[in-house]
Amino acid sequence: MSGRRIILILLQVGVTCLATGNEQSRIVGLVLDRNDSRIARAVITIKNAEFIRRLRSDPEGNFEVELPAGSYEIKVEQPGFKTFKLPSLHAGAGATARINIHLEVESPRQPLKIRPA
């Protein structure tokens, strides 16, 4: 093989690796309560070692994000509800991962008892 041909092969392999590494995926979801009522404006955090994205669910509880293919941790927060955590959701290259997230109502805090001195 000539030196020129080896360089061309290496360039092709490099371009293929770059294209594969940059493939995008999508996560599409819906935030609900235990009665399947949609939760608007919930704060959604999607992250892994190289990526972090924060967004809010829309007025109908939907959210959508495009991101590099990989595995992600998802956290959803909304006042009055317990924080939801999913340690790993895989979003494949060129694919759409769909998830319905059900938030549990936060239990009421214990009332503060004041004793006379």
N, C-alpha and C. Protein backbone atom coordinates (compact mmCIF):
# COMPACT_ATOMS: atom_id res chain seq x y z
N MET A 1 0.83 -1.19 0.00
CA MET A 1 0.00 0.00 0.00
C MET A 1 0.87 1.24 0.00
N SER A 2 0.46 2.18 -0.78
CA SER A 2 1.23 3.42 -0.82
C SER A 2 0.88 4.28 0.39
N GLY A 3 1.75 5.20 0.71
CA GLY A 3 1.52 6.11 1.83
C GLY A 3 0.28 6.95 1.63
N ARG A 4 0.04 7.34 0.39
CA ARG A 4 -1.14 8.16 0.08
C ARG A 4 -2.43 7.39 0.36
N ARG A 5 -2.46 6.10 0.00
CA ARG A 5 -3.66 5.28 0.21
C ARG A 5 -3.92 5.08 1.70
N ILE A 6 -2.87 4.87 2.50
CA ILE A 6 -3.02 4.71 3.95
C ILE A 6 -3.59 5.97 4.57
N ILE A 7 -3.11 7.12 4.14
CA ILE A 7 -3.63 8.39 4.67
C ILE A 7 -5.10 8.54 4.33
N LEU A 8 -5.50 8.20 3.10
CA LEU A 8 -6.91 8.29 2.72
C LEU A 8 -7.78 7.37 3.57
N ILE A 9 -7.31 6.16 3.83
CA ILE A 9 -8.07 5.23 4.67
C ILE A 9 -8.19 5.78 6.08
N LEU A 10 -7.11 6.30 6.63
CA LEU A 10 -7.15 6.87 7.98
C LEU A 10 -8.10 8.07 8.04
N LEU A 11 -8.12 8.90 7.00
CA LEU A 11 -9.04 10.03 6.97
C LEU A 11 -10.48 9.56 6.93
N GLN A 12 -10.76 8.51 6.14
CA GLN A 12 -12.12 7.97 6.09
C GLN A 12 -12.55 7.43 7.45
N VAL A 13 -11.68 6.70 8.11
CA VAL A 13 -11.99 6.15 9.43
C VAL A 13 -12.23 7.29 10.41
N GLY A 14 -11.40 8.31 10.38
CA GLY A 14 -11.55 9.46 11.28
C GLY A 14 -12.87 10.18 11.07
N VAL A 15 -13.26 10.40 9.82
CA VAL A 15 -14.52 11.06 9.51
C VAL A 15 -15.70 10.21 9.97
N THR A 16 -15.62 8.90 9.77
CA THR A 16 -16.69 8.00 10.22
C THR A 16 -16.83 8.06 11.74
N CYS A 17 -15.72 8.04 12.45
CA CYS A 17 -15.75 8.11 13.92
C CYS A 17 -16.36 9.43 14.38
N LEU A 18 -15.99 10.53 13.74
CA LEU A 18 -16.55 11.83 14.11
C LEU A 18 -18.04 11.86 13.87
N ALA A 19 -18.48 11.35 12.73
CA ALA A 19 -19.91 11.34 12.42
C ALA A 19 -20.68 10.50 13.42
N THR A 20 -20.15 9.35 13.79
CA THR A 20 -20.82 8.48 14.75
C THR A 20 -20.86 9.12 16.13
N GLY A 21 -19.79 9.76 16.55
CA GLY A 21 -19.72 10.38 17.87
C GLY A 21 -20.65 11.57 18.03
N ASN A 22 -21.06 12.19 16.94
CA ASN A 22 -21.90 13.37 17.01
C ASN A 22 -23.36 13.08 16.75
N GLU A 23 -23.75 11.82 16.61
CA GLU A 23 -25.14 11.53 16.33
C GLU A 23 -26.02 11.95 17.49
N GLN A 24 -27.14 12.51 17.14
CA GLN A 24 -28.07 13.03 18.14
C GLN A 24 -29.16 12.02 18.44
N SER A 25 -29.78 12.19 19.57
CA SER A 25 -30.95 11.42 19.95
C SER A 25 -31.93 12.39 20.60
N ARG A 26 -33.12 11.90 20.91
CA ARG A 26 -34.12 12.75 21.55
C ARG A 26 -34.72 12.01 22.74
N ILE A 27 -35.08 12.79 23.74
CA ILE A 27 -35.87 12.27 24.85
C ILE A 27 -37.16 13.08 24.85
N VAL A 28 -38.27 12.37 24.80
CA VAL A 28 -39.60 12.99 24.80
C VAL A 28 -40.33 12.44 26.00
N GLY A 29 -40.95 13.32 26.78
CA GLY A 29 -41.61 12.83 27.98
C GLY A 29 -42.84 13.61 28.36
N LEU A 30 -43.49 13.09 29.38
CA LEU A 30 -44.71 13.66 29.93
C LEU A 30 -44.62 13.56 31.44
N VAL A 31 -44.90 14.66 32.14
CA VAL A 31 -44.86 14.69 33.61
C VAL A 31 -46.31 14.67 34.11
N LEU A 32 -46.60 13.67 34.96
CA LEU A 32 -47.96 13.44 35.46
C LEU A 32 -47.95 13.27 36.97
N ASP A 33 -49.14 13.43 37.58
CA ASP A 33 -49.26 13.06 38.98
C ASP A 33 -49.84 11.64 39.04
N ARG A 34 -50.13 11.14 40.23
CA ARG A 34 -50.58 9.75 40.35
C ARG A 34 -51.97 9.52 39.75
N ASN A 35 -52.72 10.59 39.52
CA ASN A 35 -54.04 10.48 38.89
C ASN A 35 -53.98 10.74 37.39
N ASP A 36 -52.77 10.75 36.85
CA ASP A 36 -52.52 11.02 35.43
C ASP A 36 -52.89 12.43 34.98
N SER A 37 -52.96 13.36 35.94
CA SER A 37 -53.12 14.77 35.58
C SER A 37 -51.76 15.31 35.17
N ARG A 38 -51.73 16.12 34.15
CA ARG A 38 -50.47 16.64 33.63
C ARG A 38 -49.94 17.76 34.53
N ILE A 39 -48.62 17.79 34.69
CA ILE A 39 -47.98 18.78 35.56
C ILE A 39 -47.19 19.76 34.70
N ALA A 40 -47.61 21.01 34.72
CA ALA A 40 -46.95 22.06 33.95
C ALA A 40 -45.77 22.64 34.71
N ARG A 41 -44.80 23.12 33.96
CA ARG A 41 -43.65 23.88 34.48
C ARG A 41 -42.77 23.10 35.46
N ALA A 42 -42.79 21.77 35.41
CA ALA A 42 -41.88 20.98 36.24
C ALA A 42 -40.45 21.19 35.72
N VAL A 43 -39.48 21.24 36.62
CA VAL A 43 -38.08 21.43 36.23
C VAL A 43 -37.47 20.06 35.98
N ILE A 44 -36.96 19.87 34.76
CA ILE A 44 -36.36 18.60 34.36
C ILE A 44 -34.87 18.82 34.14
N THR A 45 -34.05 18.00 34.79
CA THR A 45 -32.60 18.05 34.60
C THR A 45 -32.17 16.72 33.99
N ILE A 46 -31.49 16.82 32.85
CA ILE A 46 -30.99 15.63 32.15
C ILE A 46 -29.48 15.77 32.06
N LYS A 47 -28.74 14.77 32.58
CA LYS A 47 -27.29 14.93 32.58
C LYS A 47 -26.57 13.60 32.51
N ASN A 48 -25.31 13.69 32.07
CA ASN A 48 -24.33 12.62 32.19
C ASN A 48 -22.99 13.30 32.40
N ALA A 49 -21.89 12.58 32.27
CA ALA A 49 -20.57 13.14 32.57
C ALA A 49 -20.20 14.30 31.65
N GLU A 50 -20.70 14.31 30.40
CA GLU A 50 -20.30 15.34 29.43
C GLU A 50 -21.39 16.35 29.13
N PHE A 51 -22.59 16.17 29.65
CA PHE A 51 -23.73 16.96 29.18
C PHE A 51 -24.68 17.24 30.33
N ILE A 52 -25.22 18.45 30.39
CA ILE A 52 -26.29 18.76 31.34
C ILE A 52 -27.26 19.72 30.67
N ARG A 53 -28.54 19.45 30.85
CA ARG A 53 -29.55 20.32 30.26
C ARG A 53 -30.70 20.45 31.24
N ARG A 54 -31.15 21.68 31.48
CA ARG A 54 -32.31 21.94 32.33
C ARG A 54 -33.40 22.55 31.46
N LEU A 55 -34.62 22.08 31.66
CA LEU A 55 -35.75 22.62 30.92
C LEU A 55 -37.00 22.46 31.77
N ARG A 56 -38.12 22.99 31.29
CA ARG A 56 -39.39 22.87 32.00
C ARG A 56 -40.41 22.18 31.11
N SER A 57 -41.32 21.46 31.76
CA SER A 57 -42.42 20.89 31.00
C SER A 57 -43.33 22.03 30.55
N ASP A 58 -43.99 21.83 29.42
CA ASP A 58 -44.88 22.86 28.88
C ASP A 58 -46.21 22.86 29.65
N PRO A 59 -47.16 23.73 29.29
CA PRO A 59 -48.44 23.78 30.03
C PRO A 59 -49.22 22.46 30.06
N GLU A 60 -48.94 21.56 29.11
CA GLU A 60 -49.60 20.26 29.10
C GLU A 60 -48.75 19.15 29.73
N GLY A 61 -47.61 19.53 30.33
CA GLY A 61 -46.75 18.55 31.00
C GLY A 61 -45.74 17.86 30.09
N ASN A 62 -45.70 18.23 28.82
CA ASN A 62 -44.78 17.62 27.86
C ASN A 62 -43.39 18.26 27.92
N PHE A 63 -42.38 17.48 27.57
CA PHE A 63 -41.04 18.03 27.36
C PHE A 63 -40.35 17.24 26.26
N GLU A 64 -39.38 17.89 25.64
CA GLU A 64 -38.62 17.26 24.56
C GLU A 64 -37.24 17.91 24.52
N VAL A 65 -36.22 17.08 24.34
CA VAL A 65 -34.86 17.59 24.26
C VAL A 65 -34.06 16.76 23.26
N GLU A 66 -33.25 17.43 22.46
CA GLU A 66 -32.33 16.75 21.56
C GLU A 66 -30.96 16.82 22.19
N LEU A 67 -30.23 15.69 22.17
CA LEU A 67 -28.94 15.62 22.85
C LEU A 67 -28.09 14.54 22.22
N PRO A 68 -26.79 14.53 22.52
CA PRO A 68 -25.92 13.48 21.99
C PRO A 68 -26.37 12.10 22.50
N ALA A 69 -26.24 11.09 21.66
CA ALA A 69 -26.60 9.73 22.06
C ALA A 69 -25.81 9.32 23.30
N GLY A 70 -26.45 8.59 24.22
CA GLY A 70 -25.77 8.14 25.43
C GLY A 70 -26.76 7.80 26.52
N SER A 71 -26.24 7.53 27.71
CA SER A 71 -27.08 7.26 28.88
C SER A 71 -27.13 8.50 29.75
N TYR A 72 -28.30 8.79 30.28
CA TYR A 72 -28.52 10.01 31.04
C TYR A 72 -29.27 9.74 32.33
N GLU A 73 -28.96 10.56 33.33
CA GLU A 73 -29.72 10.58 34.58
C GLU A 73 -30.79 11.66 34.41
N ILE A 74 -32.01 11.36 34.85
CA ILE A 74 -33.09 12.34 34.75
C ILE A 74 -33.62 12.64 36.14
N LYS A 75 -33.79 13.93 36.42
CA LYS A 75 -34.36 14.37 37.70
C LYS A 75 -35.48 15.36 37.37
N VAL A 76 -36.62 15.20 38.06
CA VAL A 76 -37.76 16.09 37.85
C VAL A 76 -38.19 16.64 39.21
N GLU A 77 -38.34 17.97 39.26
CA GLU A 77 -38.72 18.64 40.51
C GLU A 77 -39.91 19.56 40.27
N GLN A 78 -40.81 19.59 41.26
CA GLN A 78 -41.96 20.48 41.22
C GLN A 78 -42.42 20.69 42.66
N PRO A 79 -42.61 21.96 43.09
CA PRO A 79 -43.08 22.19 44.45
C PRO A 79 -44.36 21.41 44.74
N GLY A 80 -44.41 20.81 45.95
CA GLY A 80 -45.57 20.03 46.36
C GLY A 80 -45.46 18.55 46.01
N PHE A 81 -44.40 18.20 45.27
CA PHE A 81 -44.19 16.81 44.86
C PHE A 81 -42.81 16.34 45.27
N LYS A 82 -42.67 15.02 45.48
CA LYS A 82 -41.36 14.44 45.75
C LYS A 82 -40.52 14.52 44.48
N THR A 83 -39.20 14.70 44.66
CA THR A 83 -38.29 14.72 43.52
C THR A 83 -38.21 13.34 42.90
N PHE A 84 -38.34 13.28 41.59
CA PHE A 84 -38.24 12.03 40.83
C PHE A 84 -36.83 11.90 40.30
N LYS A 85 -36.21 10.71 40.45
CA LYS A 85 -34.88 10.46 39.91
C LYS A 85 -34.88 9.13 39.17
N LEU A 86 -34.37 9.17 37.94
CA LEU A 86 -34.15 7.97 37.15
C LEU A 86 -32.65 7.90 36.90
N PRO A 87 -31.95 6.91 37.47
CA PRO A 87 -30.49 6.88 37.38
C PRO A 87 -29.93 6.68 35.97
N SER A 88 -30.68 6.01 35.09
CA SER A 88 -30.12 5.77 33.76
C SER A 88 -31.22 5.55 32.72
N LEU A 89 -31.20 6.38 31.70
CA LEU A 89 -32.07 6.22 30.54
C LEU A 89 -31.18 6.28 29.32
N HIS A 90 -31.21 5.24 28.48
CA HIS A 90 -30.37 5.23 27.29
C HIS A 90 -31.10 5.88 26.13
N ALA A 91 -30.44 6.83 25.50
CA ALA A 91 -30.96 7.50 24.30
C ALA A 91 -30.04 7.12 23.15
N GLY A 92 -30.52 6.23 22.28
CA GLY A 92 -29.72 5.71 21.18
C GLY A 92 -29.57 6.70 20.04
N ALA A 93 -28.50 6.57 19.28
CA ALA A 93 -28.21 7.46 18.15
C ALA A 93 -29.35 7.39 17.14
N GLY A 94 -29.87 8.55 16.78
CA GLY A 94 -30.93 8.64 15.80
C GLY A 94 -32.29 8.17 16.30
N ALA A 95 -32.40 7.85 17.58
CA ALA A 95 -33.64 7.31 18.14
C ALA A 95 -34.30 8.32 19.07
N THR A 96 -35.55 8.04 19.40
CA THR A 96 -36.30 8.85 20.36
C THR A 96 -36.67 7.96 21.54
N ALA A 97 -36.21 8.34 22.74
CA ALA A 97 -36.59 7.63 23.96
C ALA A 97 -37.81 8.35 24.54
N ARG A 98 -38.85 7.58 24.87
CA ARG A 98 -40.08 8.16 25.41
C ARG A 98 -40.24 7.71 26.86
N ILE A 99 -40.66 8.67 27.71
CA ILE A 99 -40.82 8.36 29.13
C ILE A 99 -41.99 9.15 29.71
N ASN A 100 -42.81 8.46 30.49
CA ASN A 100 -43.85 9.11 31.29
C ASN A 100 -43.37 9.10 32.73
N ILE A 101 -43.35 10.27 33.33
CA ILE A 101 -42.84 10.41 34.70
C ILE A 101 -44.02 10.73 35.62
N HIS A 102 -44.22 9.89 36.63
CA HIS A 102 -45.29 10.10 37.60
C HIS A 102 -44.68 10.63 38.90
N LEU A 103 -45.10 11.82 39.28
CA LEU A 103 -44.62 12.42 40.53
C LEU A 103 -45.58 12.09 41.66
N GLU A 104 -45.01 11.83 42.82
CA GLU A 104 -45.81 11.56 44.01
C GLU A 104 -45.96 12.84 44.82
N VAL A 105 -47.14 13.02 45.39
CA VAL A 105 -47.39 14.19 46.23
C VAL A 105 -46.49 14.11 47.45
N GLU A 106 -45.89 15.22 47.79
CA GLU A 106 -45.02 15.28 48.97
C GLU A 106 -45.88 15.20 50.22
N SER A 107 -45.46 14.37 51.18
CA SER A 107 -46.24 14.26 52.41
C SER A 107 -46.12 15.56 53.21
N PRO A 108 -47.20 15.94 53.89
CA PRO A 108 -47.15 17.18 54.66
C PRO A 108 -46.10 17.10 55.76
N ARG A 109 -45.48 18.21 55.99
CA ARG A 109 -44.47 18.26 57.04
C ARG A 109 -45.15 18.23 58.41
N GLN A 110 -44.41 17.71 59.37
CA GLN A 110 -44.92 17.67 60.73
C GLN A 110 -45.13 19.10 61.22
N PRO A 111 -46.25 19.36 61.88
CA PRO A 111 -46.45 20.71 62.43
C PRO A 111 -45.44 20.98 63.56
N LEU A 112 -45.03 22.19 63.65
CA LEU A 112 -44.09 22.61 64.67
C LEU A 112 -44.81 22.71 66.01
N LYS A 113 -44.34 22.00 67.01
CA LYS A 113 -44.96 22.04 68.33
C LYS A 113 -44.14 22.96 69.22
N ILE A 114 -44.80 23.90 69.82
CA ILE A 114 -44.14 24.85 70.71
C ILE A 114 -44.61 24.56 72.13
N ARG A 115 -43.65 24.34 72.99
CA ARG A 115 -43.98 24.07 74.39
C ARG A 115 -43.72 25.32 75.22
N PRO A 116 -44.56 25.57 76.20
CA PRO A 116 -44.31 26.73 77.06
C PRO A 116 -43.03 26.52 77.88
N ALA A 117 -42.37 27.63 78.16
CA ALA A 117 -41.12 27.56 78.91
C ALA A 117 -41.31 27.37 80.38
